[in-house]
Amino acid sequence: MQAAFAAIVLLDFVADFRPVVPLAALGLLASFVIVERMHRLTWSVEVALLVTSTVLFAVGRAGWAWVLAMLAAGIAALATAADIWIKPVR
């Protein structure tokens, strides 16, 4: 799921197809319940970045919106490729 999300967001950045960002956020949010508990913080950060990106698109700040969307895609790619996740504080 993380790899698909990262690939889709990166391809849509190249095509400048902005509606995919809120759809990616909804997709990650919908599958949040099936994610292992230890990986939920990473997914939460990605969703928060995508929601903020969507708001920035709505107010006309496409550059900053893409920066946040790319950051979320980078976190997803890192989690997929290197199995590095944001660890919750215990």
N, C-alpha and C. Protein backbone atom coordinates (compact mmCIF):
# COMPACT_ATOMS: atom_id res chain seq x y z
N MET A 1 0.83 -1.20 0.00
CA MET A 1 0.00 0.00 0.00
C MET A 1 0.87 1.26 0.00
N GLN A 2 1.91 1.27 0.82
CA GLN A 2 2.79 2.44 0.90
C GLN A 2 3.50 2.68 -0.43
N ALA A 3 3.94 1.61 -1.07
CA ALA A 3 4.65 1.75 -2.34
C ALA A 3 3.72 2.30 -3.42
N ALA A 4 2.51 1.81 -3.46
CA ALA A 4 1.54 2.30 -4.45
C ALA A 4 1.22 3.77 -4.20
N PHE A 5 1.05 4.13 -2.94
CA PHE A 5 0.76 5.52 -2.60
C PHE A 5 1.90 6.43 -3.04
N ALA A 6 3.13 6.04 -2.74
CA ALA A 6 4.28 6.86 -3.12
C ALA A 6 4.39 7.00 -4.63
N ALA A 7 4.20 5.91 -5.35
CA ALA A 7 4.29 5.96 -6.82
C ALA A 7 3.20 6.83 -7.42
N ILE A 8 1.99 6.71 -6.93
CA ILE A 8 0.87 7.49 -7.48
C ILE A 8 1.08 8.98 -7.24
N VAL A 9 1.48 9.35 -6.03
CA VAL A 9 1.69 10.77 -5.74
C VAL A 9 2.84 11.34 -6.57
N LEU A 10 3.92 10.59 -6.72
CA LEU A 10 5.05 11.07 -7.52
C LEU A 10 4.68 11.22 -8.99
N LEU A 11 3.93 10.27 -9.54
CA LEU A 11 3.50 10.38 -10.94
C LEU A 11 2.54 11.54 -11.15
N ASP A 12 1.67 11.76 -10.18
CA ASP A 12 0.73 12.88 -10.32
C ASP A 12 1.41 14.22 -10.13
N PHE A 13 2.51 14.25 -9.41
CA PHE A 13 3.30 15.48 -9.32
C PHE A 13 3.85 15.83 -10.70
N VAL A 14 4.36 14.83 -11.39
CA VAL A 14 4.91 15.06 -12.73
C VAL A 14 3.82 15.53 -13.68
N ALA A 15 2.63 14.94 -13.56
CA ALA A 15 1.51 15.31 -14.44
C ALA A 15 0.73 16.53 -13.92
N ASP A 16 1.08 17.01 -12.72
CA ASP A 16 0.37 18.11 -12.05
C ASP A 16 -1.13 17.84 -11.98
N PHE A 17 -1.48 16.64 -11.52
CA PHE A 17 -2.87 16.24 -11.35
C PHE A 17 -3.20 16.33 -9.87
N ARG A 18 -3.74 17.45 -9.45
CA ARG A 18 -3.93 17.77 -8.04
C ARG A 18 -5.03 16.99 -7.33
N PRO A 19 -6.10 16.55 -7.99
CA PRO A 19 -7.17 15.85 -7.27
C PRO A 19 -6.74 14.52 -6.64
N VAL A 20 -5.60 14.00 -7.02
CA VAL A 20 -5.17 12.72 -6.46
C VAL A 20 -4.70 12.85 -5.01
N VAL A 21 -4.28 14.01 -4.59
CA VAL A 21 -3.78 14.19 -3.23
C VAL A 21 -4.88 13.93 -2.20
N PRO A 22 -6.06 14.54 -2.31
CA PRO A 22 -7.10 14.20 -1.33
C PRO A 22 -7.58 12.74 -1.46
N LEU A 23 -7.55 12.20 -2.66
CA LEU A 23 -7.93 10.80 -2.83
C LEU A 23 -6.92 9.87 -2.16
N ALA A 24 -5.65 10.21 -2.24
CA ALA A 24 -4.62 9.41 -1.57
C ALA A 24 -4.80 9.49 -0.05
N ALA A 25 -5.14 10.68 0.45
CA ALA A 25 -5.39 10.82 1.89
C ALA A 25 -6.57 9.97 2.32
N LEU A 26 -7.62 9.97 1.53
CA LEU A 26 -8.79 9.15 1.86
C LEU A 26 -8.46 7.67 1.80
N GLY A 27 -7.66 7.27 0.83
CA GLY A 27 -7.27 5.87 0.71
C GLY A 27 -6.44 5.40 1.90
N LEU A 28 -5.50 6.24 2.33
CA LEU A 28 -4.70 5.89 3.50
C LEU A 28 -5.56 5.86 4.76
N LEU A 29 -6.49 6.80 4.85
CA LEU A 29 -7.37 6.85 6.01
C LEU A 29 -8.29 5.65 6.06
N ALA A 30 -8.78 5.23 4.90
CA ALA A 30 -9.69 4.09 4.85
C ALA A 30 -9.01 2.79 5.25
N SER A 31 -7.74 2.66 4.93
CA SER A 31 -7.03 1.43 5.27
C SER A 31 -6.28 1.52 6.59
N PHE A 32 -6.48 2.59 7.32
CA PHE A 32 -5.80 2.83 8.59
C PHE A 32 -6.11 1.74 9.62
N VAL A 33 -7.32 1.22 9.61
CA VAL A 33 -7.72 0.24 10.63
C VAL A 33 -7.04 -1.11 10.45
N ILE A 34 -6.57 -1.42 9.24
CA ILE A 34 -5.92 -2.71 9.03
C ILE A 34 -4.41 -2.65 9.23
N VAL A 35 -3.89 -1.47 9.51
CA VAL A 35 -2.45 -1.29 9.70
C VAL A 35 -2.07 -1.75 11.11
N GLU A 36 -0.89 -2.36 11.21
CA GLU A 36 -0.40 -2.75 12.53
C GLU A 36 -0.27 -1.54 13.42
N ARG A 37 -0.48 -1.73 14.69
CA ARG A 37 -0.45 -0.63 15.65
C ARG A 37 0.87 0.14 15.63
N MET A 38 1.98 -0.55 15.45
CA MET A 38 3.28 0.12 15.49
C MET A 38 3.52 1.00 14.26
N HIS A 39 2.76 0.82 13.19
CA HIS A 39 2.95 1.62 11.98
C HIS A 39 1.93 2.76 11.85
N ARG A 40 1.02 2.86 12.78
CA ARG A 40 -0.05 3.86 12.67
C ARG A 40 0.45 5.30 12.77
N LEU A 41 1.50 5.55 13.52
CA LEU A 41 2.02 6.91 13.63
C LEU A 41 2.55 7.40 12.29
N THR A 42 3.23 6.53 11.56
CA THR A 42 3.74 6.89 10.24
C THR A 42 2.58 7.22 9.31
N TRP A 43 1.55 6.39 9.31
CA TRP A 43 0.40 6.63 8.44
C TRP A 43 -0.32 7.91 8.85
N SER A 44 -0.40 8.19 10.15
CA SER A 44 -1.05 9.41 10.62
C SER A 44 -0.30 10.65 10.13
N VAL A 45 1.01 10.60 10.18
CA VAL A 45 1.81 11.73 9.69
C VAL A 45 1.59 11.93 8.20
N GLU A 46 1.55 10.84 7.44
CA GLU A 46 1.31 10.95 6.00
C GLU A 46 -0.06 11.55 5.71
N VAL A 47 -1.08 11.10 6.42
CA VAL A 47 -2.43 11.63 6.21
C VAL A 47 -2.48 13.11 6.59
N ALA A 48 -1.84 13.48 7.69
CA ALA A 48 -1.83 14.89 8.10
C ALA A 48 -1.14 15.77 7.05
N LEU A 49 -0.04 15.29 6.50
CA LEU A 49 0.64 16.05 5.45
C LEU A 49 -0.23 16.18 4.21
N LEU A 50 -0.93 15.11 3.84
CA LEU A 50 -1.79 15.17 2.65
C LEU A 50 -3.01 16.06 2.87
N VAL A 51 -3.57 16.06 4.06
CA VAL A 51 -4.70 16.94 4.34
C VAL A 51 -4.26 18.40 4.30
N THR A 52 -3.10 18.68 4.89
CA THR A 52 -2.56 20.05 4.83
C THR A 52 -2.26 20.44 3.38
N SER A 53 -1.75 19.51 2.62
CA SER A 53 -1.49 19.76 1.20
C SER A 53 -2.78 20.07 0.44
N THR A 54 -3.83 19.34 0.74
CA THR A 54 -5.13 19.59 0.10
C THR A 54 -5.64 20.99 0.41
N VAL A 55 -5.49 21.40 1.66
CA VAL A 55 -5.92 22.75 2.06
C VAL A 55 -5.10 23.80 1.32
N LEU A 56 -3.80 23.57 1.20
CA LEU A 56 -2.95 24.52 0.48
C LEU A 56 -3.31 24.59 -1.00
N PHE A 57 -3.68 23.47 -1.60
CA PHE A 57 -4.16 23.50 -2.98
C PHE A 57 -5.42 24.36 -3.09
N ALA A 58 -6.30 24.22 -2.12
CA ALA A 58 -7.57 24.96 -2.15
C ALA A 58 -7.38 26.46 -2.04
N VAL A 59 -6.34 26.89 -1.31
CA VAL A 59 -6.11 28.33 -1.16
C VAL A 59 -5.14 28.88 -2.19
N GLY A 60 -4.72 28.05 -3.13
CA GLY A 60 -3.89 28.53 -4.23
C GLY A 60 -2.39 28.48 -4.00
N ARG A 61 -1.93 27.71 -3.06
CA ARG A 61 -0.50 27.58 -2.78
C ARG A 61 0.00 26.22 -3.26
N ALA A 62 -0.01 26.03 -4.57
CA ALA A 62 0.31 24.73 -5.16
C ALA A 62 1.75 24.31 -4.89
N GLY A 63 2.67 25.24 -4.88
CA GLY A 63 4.07 24.90 -4.65
C GLY A 63 4.28 24.27 -3.28
N TRP A 64 3.76 24.93 -2.24
CA TRP A 64 3.89 24.38 -0.89
C TRP A 64 3.09 23.10 -0.75
N ALA A 65 1.97 23.02 -1.42
CA ALA A 65 1.15 21.81 -1.35
C ALA A 65 1.91 20.61 -1.91
N TRP A 66 2.59 20.82 -3.05
CA TRP A 66 3.35 19.72 -3.62
C TRP A 66 4.55 19.35 -2.75
N VAL A 67 5.15 20.33 -2.08
CA VAL A 67 6.26 20.02 -1.18
C VAL A 67 5.79 19.08 -0.07
N LEU A 68 4.64 19.37 0.53
CA LEU A 68 4.13 18.51 1.59
C LEU A 68 3.70 17.14 1.06
N ALA A 69 3.11 17.12 -0.14
CA ALA A 69 2.71 15.84 -0.73
C ALA A 69 3.94 14.99 -1.05
N MET A 70 5.00 15.62 -1.53
CA MET A 70 6.23 14.89 -1.82
C MET A 70 6.89 14.39 -0.54
N LEU A 71 6.80 15.17 0.52
CA LEU A 71 7.33 14.73 1.81
C LEU A 71 6.58 13.48 2.29
N ALA A 72 5.27 13.49 2.15
CA ALA A 72 4.47 12.31 2.53
C ALA A 72 4.83 11.11 1.66
N ALA A 73 5.02 11.34 0.36
CA ALA A 73 5.41 10.24 -0.53
C ALA A 73 6.80 9.74 -0.18
N GLY A 74 7.69 10.62 0.22
CA GLY A 74 9.04 10.20 0.63
C GLY A 74 9.02 9.35 1.89
N ILE A 75 8.17 9.72 2.84
CA ILE A 75 8.03 8.92 4.05
C ILE A 75 7.49 7.53 3.70
N ALA A 76 6.51 7.49 2.81
CA ALA A 76 5.94 6.20 2.39
C ALA A 76 6.97 5.36 1.65
N ALA A 77 7.75 5.98 0.80
CA ALA A 77 8.78 5.24 0.06
C ALA A 77 9.86 4.72 0.99
N LEU A 78 10.24 5.52 1.97
CA LEU A 78 11.24 5.08 2.94
C LEU A 78 10.72 3.92 3.78
N ALA A 79 9.46 3.98 4.15
CA ALA A 79 8.86 2.89 4.92
C ALA A 79 8.80 1.61 4.10
N THR A 80 8.54 1.75 2.81
CA THR A 80 8.44 0.58 1.95
C THR A 80 9.81 0.00 1.63
N ALA A 81 10.72 0.83 1.19
CA ALA A 81 12.01 0.35 0.71
C ALA A 81 12.94 -0.10 1.83
N ALA A 82 13.00 0.67 2.90
CA ALA A 82 13.98 0.39 3.94
C ALA A 82 13.35 -0.11 5.24
N ASP A 83 12.04 -0.23 5.26
CA ASP A 83 11.31 -0.67 6.45
C ASP A 83 11.64 0.21 7.65
N ILE A 84 11.67 1.53 7.39
CA ILE A 84 11.91 2.52 8.44
C ILE A 84 10.59 3.22 8.72
N TRP A 85 10.15 3.15 9.97
CA TRP A 85 8.86 3.71 10.38
C TRP A 85 9.08 4.71 11.50
N ILE A 86 8.16 5.65 11.66
CA ILE A 86 8.21 6.58 12.77
C ILE A 86 7.77 5.80 14.01
N LYS A 87 8.63 5.78 15.00
CA LYS A 87 8.36 4.96 16.19
C LYS A 87 7.65 5.81 17.24
N PRO A 88 6.54 5.31 17.78
CA PRO A 88 5.85 6.06 18.84
C PRO A 88 6.67 6.08 20.13
N VAL A 89 6.52 7.13 20.89
CA VAL A 89 7.21 7.25 22.17
C VAL A 89 6.54 6.33 23.18
N ARG A 90 7.32 5.62 23.95
CA ARG A 90 6.74 4.70 24.94
C ARG A 90 7.03 5.17 26.32
